[in-house]
Amino acid sequence: MARYLFDTSFEQRLIDVCRTADSMAKAAVILGMNYKTLCFHAKRLGCFKPNQPGKGLSKEPSKIPIAIARIFDGTHTTYQTHKLKKRLLKEGYKQAQCELCGLSEWMGRQIPLELHHRNGVNIDNSLDNLELLCPNCHALTDNYRAKNIKKLSARMETSAVEPLKFGETLL
């Protein structure tokens, strides 16, 4: 007696799909089966196609660069700042010099520039909020390395909001 009993119409469909599909993985997707299970039954029924890795499967779409307008208007807030700095320079939105002191060279080499968010919110990538600064000028800004967050916590201490004590709940 056969160990695996399937409806003969299903077995015929499995054979047809395996023969017409570009790969066994594609056949598994079409039939809604596990790949290993499909391979087992395809070998049992004599319609297995070996050595076709990835054939017929759709590939990931190629990386299309995000439009700079989408970054500026805030629809793409997770764009990496070092990539944004390079694009600002490459596409001509900013010049390769510090916007505060105007230096473009330091010790005979191009000065390293850092992307600064004027309002301190690192996801606000609107063009009027971005500055390219040399490390010295950047360190002197009010919100360099989240200085404004420390000031915010100091303001909370002086306001009417009292912080919770250890083990205390909000009930």
N, C-alpha and C. Protein backbone atom coordinates (compact mmCIF):
# COMPACT_ATOMS: atom_id res chain seq x y z
N MET A 1 0.84 -1.18 0.00
CA MET A 1 0.00 0.00 0.00
C MET A 1 0.88 1.24 0.00
N ALA A 2 0.47 2.26 -0.71
CA ALA A 2 1.25 3.48 -0.81
C ALA A 2 1.28 4.21 0.52
N ARG A 3 2.41 4.78 0.83
CA ARG A 3 2.57 5.49 2.09
C ARG A 3 1.90 6.85 2.04
N TYR A 4 1.91 7.50 0.88
CA TYR A 4 1.32 8.82 0.72
C TYR A 4 0.19 8.72 -0.29
N LEU A 5 -1.00 9.02 0.16
CA LEU A 5 -2.15 8.97 -0.73
C LEU A 5 -2.64 10.38 -0.99
N PHE A 6 -2.63 10.76 -2.23
CA PHE A 6 -3.16 12.05 -2.65
C PHE A 6 -4.26 11.78 -3.66
N ASP A 7 -5.10 12.74 -3.81
CA ASP A 7 -6.09 12.69 -4.87
C ASP A 7 -5.33 12.67 -6.20
N THR A 8 -5.74 11.85 -7.14
CA THR A 8 -5.02 11.74 -8.41
C THR A 8 -5.03 13.05 -9.18
N SER A 9 -6.08 13.86 -9.01
CA SER A 9 -6.10 15.15 -9.71
C SER A 9 -5.04 16.08 -9.13
N PHE A 10 -4.79 16.00 -7.80
CA PHE A 10 -3.74 16.82 -7.20
C PHE A 10 -2.37 16.37 -7.68
N GLU A 11 -2.17 15.06 -7.74
CA GLU A 11 -0.88 14.55 -8.22
C GLU A 11 -0.63 14.98 -9.66
N GLN A 12 -1.68 14.95 -10.48
CA GLN A 12 -1.53 15.37 -11.87
C GLN A 12 -1.22 16.87 -11.95
N ARG A 13 -1.87 17.66 -11.09
CA ARG A 13 -1.60 19.11 -11.06
C ARG A 13 -0.17 19.37 -10.62
N LEU A 14 0.30 18.62 -9.62
CA LEU A 14 1.68 18.76 -9.15
C LEU A 14 2.66 18.46 -10.28
N ILE A 15 2.41 17.42 -11.03
CA ILE A 15 3.29 17.06 -12.15
C ILE A 15 3.27 18.16 -13.21
N ASP A 16 2.09 18.66 -13.54
CA ASP A 16 1.98 19.71 -14.56
C ASP A 16 2.70 20.99 -14.14
N VAL A 17 2.50 21.39 -12.89
CA VAL A 17 3.13 22.62 -12.39
C VAL A 17 4.65 22.46 -12.35
N CYS A 18 5.13 21.30 -11.92
CA CYS A 18 6.58 21.06 -11.86
C CYS A 18 7.21 21.10 -13.25
N ARG A 19 6.50 20.61 -14.23
CA ARG A 19 7.05 20.61 -15.58
C ARG A 19 7.02 21.99 -16.22
N THR A 20 6.02 22.81 -15.91
CA THR A 20 5.91 24.13 -16.55
C THR A 20 6.63 25.23 -15.78
N ALA A 21 6.82 25.06 -14.48
CA ALA A 21 7.46 26.10 -13.67
C ALA A 21 8.95 26.17 -13.99
N ASP A 22 9.52 27.37 -13.84
CA ASP A 22 10.94 27.56 -14.12
C ASP A 22 11.83 26.89 -13.09
N SER A 23 11.34 26.75 -11.86
CA SER A 23 12.13 26.12 -10.81
C SER A 23 11.20 25.43 -9.83
N MET A 24 11.78 24.60 -9.00
CA MET A 24 10.99 23.90 -7.99
C MET A 24 10.49 24.88 -6.94
N ALA A 25 11.27 25.91 -6.66
CA ALA A 25 10.83 26.93 -5.70
C ALA A 25 9.60 27.66 -6.22
N LYS A 26 9.59 27.97 -7.50
CA LYS A 26 8.44 28.63 -8.11
C LYS A 26 7.22 27.71 -8.07
N ALA A 27 7.43 26.41 -8.33
CA ALA A 27 6.34 25.44 -8.26
C ALA A 27 5.77 25.36 -6.85
N ALA A 28 6.64 25.41 -5.84
CA ALA A 28 6.18 25.37 -4.45
C ALA A 28 5.33 26.58 -4.13
N VAL A 29 5.71 27.74 -4.65
CA VAL A 29 4.93 28.96 -4.43
C VAL A 29 3.57 28.84 -5.11
N ILE A 30 3.56 28.35 -6.34
CA ILE A 30 2.30 28.21 -7.09
C ILE A 30 1.34 27.25 -6.39
N LEU A 31 1.88 26.13 -5.90
CA LEU A 31 1.04 25.11 -5.26
C LEU A 31 0.75 25.42 -3.79
N GLY A 32 1.46 26.39 -3.22
CA GLY A 32 1.27 26.72 -1.81
C GLY A 32 1.79 25.64 -0.89
N MET A 33 2.87 25.01 -1.30
CA MET A 33 3.46 23.92 -0.52
C MET A 33 4.82 24.32 0.02
N ASN A 34 5.25 23.57 1.02
CA ASN A 34 6.61 23.70 1.52
C ASN A 34 7.55 23.18 0.45
N TYR A 35 8.69 23.84 0.27
CA TYR A 35 9.65 23.47 -0.78
C TYR A 35 10.14 22.04 -0.62
N LYS A 36 10.51 21.65 0.60
CA LYS A 36 11.05 20.30 0.84
C LYS A 36 9.98 19.24 0.56
N THR A 37 8.74 19.53 0.98
CA THR A 37 7.65 18.59 0.73
C THR A 37 7.42 18.42 -0.76
N LEU A 38 7.42 19.54 -1.48
CA LEU A 38 7.23 19.48 -2.93
C LEU A 38 8.34 18.67 -3.59
N CYS A 39 9.59 18.90 -3.19
CA CYS A 39 10.71 18.16 -3.78
C CYS A 39 10.57 16.67 -3.52
N PHE A 40 10.14 16.31 -2.32
CA PHE A 40 9.96 14.89 -2.00
C PHE A 40 8.94 14.25 -2.93
N HIS A 41 7.78 14.90 -3.07
CA HIS A 41 6.72 14.33 -3.90
C HIS A 41 7.05 14.42 -5.38
N ALA A 42 7.78 15.45 -5.79
CA ALA A 42 8.20 15.54 -7.19
C ALA A 42 9.16 14.41 -7.54
N LYS A 43 10.06 14.07 -6.62
CA LYS A 43 10.97 12.93 -6.85
C LYS A 43 10.18 11.63 -6.89
N ARG A 44 9.20 11.51 -6.01
CA ARG A 44 8.37 10.30 -5.96
C ARG A 44 7.59 10.11 -7.25
N LEU A 45 7.12 11.24 -7.82
CA LEU A 45 6.31 11.17 -9.04
C LEU A 45 7.15 11.29 -10.32
N GLY A 46 8.46 11.52 -10.17
CA GLY A 46 9.35 11.55 -11.33
C GLY A 46 9.34 12.85 -12.12
N CYS A 47 9.01 13.95 -11.49
CA CYS A 47 8.99 15.24 -12.21
C CYS A 47 9.91 16.27 -11.56
N PHE A 48 10.88 15.82 -10.77
CA PHE A 48 11.80 16.72 -10.08
C PHE A 48 12.83 17.29 -11.05
N LYS A 49 13.09 18.61 -10.94
CA LYS A 49 14.11 19.27 -11.77
C LYS A 49 15.24 19.74 -10.85
N PRO A 50 16.40 19.10 -10.90
CA PRO A 50 17.48 19.52 -10.00
C PRO A 50 18.25 20.74 -10.53
N ASN A 51 19.00 21.36 -9.62
CA ASN A 51 19.96 22.43 -9.95
C ASN A 51 19.34 23.61 -10.69
N GLN A 52 18.34 24.21 -10.10
CA GLN A 52 17.77 25.43 -10.68
C GLN A 52 17.59 26.47 -9.59
N PRO A 53 18.62 26.86 -8.91
CA PRO A 53 18.47 27.78 -7.78
C PRO A 53 18.01 29.17 -8.22
N GLY A 54 16.88 29.58 -7.72
CA GLY A 54 16.40 30.94 -7.95
C GLY A 54 15.88 31.23 -9.33
N LYS A 55 15.85 30.26 -10.19
CA LYS A 55 15.41 30.51 -11.55
C LYS A 55 13.90 30.77 -11.55
N GLY A 56 13.48 31.84 -12.18
CA GLY A 56 12.06 32.14 -12.28
C GLY A 56 11.49 32.91 -11.12
N LEU A 57 12.27 33.13 -10.08
CA LEU A 57 11.78 33.91 -8.95
C LEU A 57 12.06 35.38 -9.19
N SER A 58 11.13 36.20 -8.78
CA SER A 58 11.32 37.64 -8.99
C SER A 58 12.42 38.14 -8.06
N LYS A 59 13.27 38.97 -8.58
CA LYS A 59 14.37 39.54 -7.81
C LYS A 59 13.91 40.82 -7.13
N GLU A 60 14.67 41.21 -6.12
CA GLU A 60 14.40 42.48 -5.46
C GLU A 60 14.58 43.61 -6.47
N PRO A 61 13.74 44.61 -6.43
CA PRO A 61 13.94 45.72 -7.37
C PRO A 61 15.27 46.42 -7.08
N SER A 62 15.90 46.92 -8.11
CA SER A 62 17.17 47.60 -7.92
C SER A 62 16.95 48.86 -7.08
N LYS A 63 17.99 49.23 -6.36
CA LYS A 63 17.86 50.39 -5.48
C LYS A 63 17.73 51.65 -6.29
N ILE A 64 16.57 52.26 -6.20
CA ILE A 64 16.32 53.52 -6.88
C ILE A 64 16.56 54.62 -5.85
N PRO A 65 17.39 55.60 -6.16
CA PRO A 65 17.65 56.64 -5.17
C PRO A 65 16.38 57.40 -4.81
N ILE A 66 16.29 57.75 -3.54
CA ILE A 66 15.13 58.49 -3.05
C ILE A 66 15.25 59.93 -3.54
N ALA A 67 14.14 60.46 -4.02
CA ALA A 67 14.14 61.84 -4.51
C ALA A 67 14.47 62.78 -3.36
N ILE A 68 15.34 63.72 -3.63
CA ILE A 68 15.78 64.66 -2.58
C ILE A 68 14.61 65.50 -2.07
N ALA A 69 13.61 65.73 -2.92
CA ALA A 69 12.43 66.48 -2.49
C ALA A 69 11.67 65.73 -1.40
N ARG A 70 11.65 64.39 -1.47
CA ARG A 70 10.98 63.59 -0.44
C ARG A 70 11.72 63.68 0.89
N ILE A 71 13.02 63.88 0.83
CA ILE A 71 13.79 64.02 2.07
C ILE A 71 13.54 65.40 2.67
N PHE A 72 13.53 66.42 1.83
CA PHE A 72 13.33 67.79 2.31
C PHE A 72 11.93 68.01 2.87
N ASP A 73 10.90 67.40 2.26
CA ASP A 73 9.54 67.66 2.74
C ASP A 73 9.14 66.77 3.92
N GLY A 74 9.99 65.84 4.33
CA GLY A 74 9.75 65.07 5.54
C GLY A 74 9.06 63.74 5.33
N THR A 75 8.81 63.32 4.09
CA THR A 75 8.17 62.02 3.88
C THR A 75 9.15 60.87 4.07
N HIS A 76 10.44 61.15 4.00
CA HIS A 76 11.45 60.12 4.23
C HIS A 76 12.37 60.60 5.33
N THR A 77 11.96 60.37 6.59
CA THR A 77 12.69 60.93 7.73
C THR A 77 13.87 60.09 8.17
N THR A 78 13.98 58.85 7.70
CA THR A 78 15.05 57.97 8.18
C THR A 78 16.27 57.96 7.28
N TYR A 79 16.39 58.92 6.40
CA TYR A 79 17.55 58.99 5.50
C TYR A 79 18.80 59.27 6.32
N GLN A 80 19.86 58.53 6.08
CA GLN A 80 21.08 58.65 6.88
C GLN A 80 21.75 60.00 6.64
N THR A 81 22.19 60.63 7.72
CA THR A 81 22.72 61.99 7.63
C THR A 81 24.03 62.06 6.85
N HIS A 82 24.89 61.05 6.95
CA HIS A 82 26.14 61.12 6.18
C HIS A 82 25.87 61.01 4.69
N LYS A 83 24.85 60.23 4.31
CA LYS A 83 24.48 60.15 2.89
C LYS A 83 23.82 61.45 2.44
N LEU A 84 23.02 62.05 3.31
CA LEU A 84 22.37 63.31 2.98
C LEU A 84 23.42 64.41 2.78
N LYS A 85 24.45 64.43 3.63
CA LYS A 85 25.52 65.42 3.48
C LYS A 85 26.21 65.27 2.13
N LYS A 86 26.51 64.04 1.74
CA LYS A 86 27.15 63.80 0.45
C LYS A 86 26.26 64.24 -0.71
N ARG A 87 24.95 63.98 -0.60
CA ARG A 87 24.04 64.37 -1.68
C ARG A 87 23.88 65.88 -1.76
N LEU A 88 23.86 66.56 -0.61
CA LEU A 88 23.76 68.02 -0.61
C LEU A 88 24.94 68.63 -1.35
N LEU A 89 26.12 68.08 -1.13
CA LEU A 89 27.31 68.59 -1.81
C LEU A 89 27.32 68.21 -3.29
N LYS A 90 26.99 66.97 -3.58
CA LYS A 90 27.05 66.48 -4.96
C LYS A 90 26.02 67.17 -5.86
N GLU A 91 24.82 67.39 -5.33
CA GLU A 91 23.75 67.97 -6.14
C GLU A 91 23.72 69.49 -6.08
N GLY A 92 24.68 70.10 -5.39
CA GLY A 92 24.83 71.55 -5.42
C GLY A 92 23.94 72.33 -4.49
N TYR A 93 23.30 71.70 -3.53
CA TYR A 93 22.46 72.43 -2.58
C TYR A 93 23.31 73.18 -1.55
N LYS A 94 24.49 72.64 -1.25
CA LYS A 94 25.41 73.27 -0.30
C LYS A 94 26.80 73.29 -0.91
N GLN A 95 27.63 74.24 -0.43
CA GLN A 95 29.02 74.31 -0.87
C GLN A 95 29.91 73.62 0.16
N ALA A 96 31.07 73.17 -0.27
CA ALA A 96 31.99 72.44 0.60
C ALA A 96 32.79 73.41 1.46
N GLN A 97 32.08 74.18 2.27
CA GLN A 97 32.72 75.09 3.22
C GLN A 97 31.81 75.27 4.42
N CYS A 98 32.39 75.65 5.54
CA CYS A 98 31.63 75.87 6.76
C CYS A 98 30.71 77.08 6.56
N GLU A 99 29.46 76.95 6.93
CA GLU A 99 28.50 78.03 6.73
C GLU A 99 28.62 79.12 7.79
N LEU A 100 29.35 78.88 8.89
CA LEU A 100 29.54 79.92 9.90
C LEU A 100 30.85 80.68 9.71
N CYS A 101 31.96 79.96 9.65
CA CYS A 101 33.26 80.64 9.55
C CYS A 101 33.76 80.75 8.11
N GLY A 102 33.19 80.01 7.18
CA GLY A 102 33.57 80.10 5.78
C GLY A 102 34.80 79.32 5.38
N LEU A 103 35.40 78.55 6.30
CA LEU A 103 36.59 77.77 5.97
C LEU A 103 36.25 76.62 5.03
N SER A 104 37.11 76.44 4.03
CA SER A 104 36.94 75.29 3.14
C SER A 104 38.18 74.39 3.18
N GLU A 105 39.28 74.90 3.74
CA GLU A 105 40.51 74.12 3.88
C GLU A 105 41.04 74.24 5.29
N TRP A 106 41.72 73.19 5.75
CA TRP A 106 42.38 73.22 7.04
C TRP A 106 43.69 72.46 6.90
N MET A 107 44.78 73.13 7.15
CA MET A 107 46.12 72.56 7.04
C MET A 107 46.38 72.01 5.64
N GLY A 108 45.93 72.74 4.63
CA GLY A 108 46.18 72.38 3.25
C GLY A 108 45.30 71.27 2.69
N ARG A 109 44.31 70.85 3.44
CA ARG A 109 43.40 69.79 2.99
C ARG A 109 41.96 70.28 3.12
N GLN A 110 41.06 69.61 2.39
CA GLN A 110 39.65 69.98 2.48
C GLN A 110 39.16 69.72 3.90
N ILE A 111 38.44 70.68 4.45
CA ILE A 111 37.99 70.59 5.83
C ILE A 111 36.87 69.56 5.95
N PRO A 112 36.90 68.72 6.99
CA PRO A 112 35.78 67.79 7.18
C PRO A 112 34.56 68.57 7.66
N LEU A 113 33.44 68.33 7.04
CA LEU A 113 32.22 69.05 7.40
C LEU A 113 31.23 68.11 8.07
N GLU A 114 30.44 68.66 8.98
CA GLU A 114 29.42 67.90 9.69
C GLU A 114 28.06 68.50 9.39
N LEU A 115 27.06 67.65 9.27
CA LEU A 115 25.70 68.12 9.01
C LEU A 115 25.05 68.48 10.34
N HIS A 116 24.58 69.71 10.44
CA HIS A 116 23.98 70.22 11.66
C HIS A 116 22.52 70.54 11.41
N HIS A 117 21.65 70.11 12.33
CA HIS A 117 20.23 70.45 12.27
C HIS A 117 20.02 71.65 13.20
N ARG A 118 19.61 72.76 12.65
CA ARG A 118 19.50 74.01 13.43
C ARG A 118 18.55 73.87 14.62
N ASN A 119 17.42 73.19 14.42
CA ASN A 119 16.46 73.09 15.52
C ASN A 119 16.74 71.91 16.45
N GLY A 120 17.75 71.10 16.16
CA GLY A 120 18.12 69.99 17.03
C GLY A 120 17.33 68.72 16.80
N VAL A 121 16.37 68.74 15.89
CA VAL A 121 15.57 67.55 15.61
C VAL A 121 16.19 66.84 14.41
N ASN A 122 16.77 65.67 14.65
CA ASN A 122 17.56 65.03 13.60
C ASN A 122 16.72 64.41 12.48
N ILE A 123 15.40 64.36 12.62
CA ILE A 123 14.58 63.85 11.52
C ILE A 123 13.98 64.98 10.69
N ASP A 124 14.21 66.21 11.10
CA ASP A 124 13.73 67.36 10.32
C ASP A 124 14.80 67.73 9.30
N ASN A 125 14.67 67.17 8.10
CA ASN A 125 15.69 67.37 7.07
C ASN A 125 15.28 68.42 6.05
N SER A 126 14.49 69.39 6.45
CA SER A 126 14.16 70.46 5.51
C SER A 126 15.42 71.27 5.23
N LEU A 127 15.53 71.78 4.02
CA LEU A 127 16.76 72.43 3.58
C LEU A 127 17.11 73.63 4.44
N ASP A 128 16.11 74.39 4.90
CA ASP A 128 16.41 75.56 5.73
C ASP A 128 16.84 75.17 7.15
N ASN A 129 16.67 73.91 7.54
CA ASN A 129 17.09 73.45 8.86
C ASN A 129 18.49 72.84 8.85
N LEU A 130 19.08 72.66 7.68
CA LEU A 130 20.37 71.98 7.57
C LEU A 130 21.51 72.96 7.35
N GLU A 131 22.62 72.72 8.03
CA GLU A 131 23.84 73.52 7.86
C GLU A 131 25.02 72.57 7.76
N LEU A 132 26.00 72.93 6.94
CA LEU A 132 27.27 72.20 6.92
C LEU A 132 28.27 73.04 7.70
N LEU A 133 28.78 72.46 8.79
CA LEU A 133 29.69 73.19 9.68
C LEU A 133 30.99 72.41 9.87
N CYS A 134 32.06 73.17 10.11
CA CYS A 134 33.32 72.52 10.48
C CYS A 134 33.16 71.98 11.91
N PRO A 135 33.98 71.03 12.32
CA PRO A 135 33.82 70.45 13.67
C PRO A 135 33.91 71.48 14.79
N ASN A 136 34.75 72.51 14.63
CA ASN A 136 34.88 73.53 15.66
C ASN A 136 33.59 74.33 15.81
N CYS A 137 33.06 74.83 14.70
CA CYS A 137 31.81 75.60 14.76
C CYS A 137 30.65 74.73 15.21
N HIS A 138 30.65 73.48 14.79
CA HIS A 138 29.56 72.58 15.18
C HIS A 138 29.56 72.35 16.69
N ALA A 139 30.75 72.22 17.28
CA ALA A 139 30.84 72.00 18.72
C ALA A 139 30.36 73.20 19.52
N LEU A 140 30.36 74.39 18.92
CA LEU A 140 29.94 75.60 19.63
C LEU A 140 28.45 75.89 19.50
N THR A 141 27.71 75.08 18.76
CA THR A 141 26.27 75.33 18.60
C THR A 141 25.52 74.96 19.87
N ASP A 142 24.33 75.52 20.03
CA ASP A 142 23.53 75.29 21.24
C ASP A 142 23.06 73.85 21.39
N ASN A 143 22.82 73.18 20.28
CA ASN A 143 22.28 71.83 20.37
C ASN A 143 23.23 70.76 19.86
N TYR A 144 24.52 70.98 19.98
CA TYR A 144 25.52 70.00 19.57
C TYR A 144 25.48 68.80 20.50
N ARG A 145 25.42 67.61 19.95
CA ARG A 145 25.38 66.36 20.72
C ARG A 145 24.28 66.38 21.78
N ALA A 146 23.10 66.81 21.38
CA ALA A 146 21.89 66.79 22.21
C ALA A 146 22.01 67.67 23.45
N LYS A 147 22.73 68.79 23.35
CA LYS A 147 22.80 69.72 24.48
C LYS A 147 21.41 70.24 24.83
N ASN A 148 20.56 70.41 23.81
CA ASN A 148 19.23 70.94 24.07
C ASN A 148 18.39 69.97 24.89
N ILE A 149 18.68 68.68 24.83
CA ILE A 149 17.93 67.71 25.63
C ILE A 149 18.28 67.89 27.10
N LYS A 150 19.54 68.16 27.41
CA LYS A 150 19.94 68.41 28.79
C LYS A 150 19.26 69.67 29.31
N LYS A 151 19.16 70.69 28.47
CA LYS A 151 18.49 71.92 28.88
C LYS A 151 17.00 71.66 29.11
N LEU A 152 16.40 70.78 28.32
CA LEU A 152 15.00 70.45 28.47
C LEU A 152 14.77 69.77 29.81
N SER A 153 15.65 68.84 30.19
CA SER A 153 15.48 68.17 31.48
C SER A 153 15.66 69.15 32.63
N ALA A 154 16.54 70.16 32.46
CA ALA A 154 16.71 71.18 33.49
C ALA A 154 15.46 72.03 33.60
N ARG A 155 14.82 72.33 32.46
CA ARG A 155 13.58 73.11 32.48
C ARG A 155 12.46 72.33 33.15
N MET A 156 12.43 71.01 32.97
CA MET A 156 11.38 70.20 33.60
C MET A 156 11.52 70.21 35.11
N GLU A 157 12.76 70.28 35.61
CA GLU A 157 12.97 70.31 37.06
C GLU A 157 12.42 71.59 37.67
N THR A 158 12.47 72.69 36.94
CA THR A 158 11.98 73.95 37.48
C THR A 158 10.49 74.14 37.27
N SER A 159 9.87 73.34 36.39
CA SER A 159 8.43 73.49 36.16
C SER A 159 7.65 72.71 37.20
N ALA A 160 6.34 72.72 37.07
CA ALA A 160 5.46 72.09 38.05
C ALA A 160 5.45 70.56 37.96
N VAL A 161 6.08 69.99 36.96
CA VAL A 161 6.10 68.54 36.80
C VAL A 161 7.14 67.95 37.74
N GLU A 162 6.69 67.01 38.56
CA GLU A 162 7.62 66.36 39.48
C GLU A 162 7.98 64.98 38.95
N PRO A 163 9.25 64.64 38.94
CA PRO A 163 9.64 63.31 38.45
C PRO A 163 9.19 62.23 39.43
N LEU A 164 9.00 61.02 38.91
CA LEU A 164 8.61 59.89 39.75
C LEU A 164 9.80 59.43 40.57
N LYS A 165 9.49 58.93 41.78
CA LYS A 165 10.53 58.37 42.63
C LYS A 165 10.61 56.87 42.37
N PHE A 166 11.70 56.26 42.74
CA PHE A 166 11.92 54.84 42.48
C PHE A 166 10.82 54.01 43.13
N GLY A 167 10.18 53.14 42.35
CA GLY A 167 9.12 52.27 42.86
C GLY A 167 7.74 52.90 42.87
N GLU A 168 7.62 54.17 42.49
CA GLU A 168 6.35 54.87 42.51
C GLU A 168 5.61 54.63 41.19
N THR A 169 4.29 54.55 41.25
CA THR A 169 3.47 54.35 40.05
C THR A 169 2.61 55.58 39.80
N LEU A 170 1.99 55.62 38.62
CA LEU A 170 1.20 56.79 38.22
C LEU A 170 -0.27 56.69 38.63
N LEU A 171 -0.67 55.79 39.45
CA LEU A 171 -2.08 55.64 39.83
C LEU A 171 -2.44 56.64 40.84
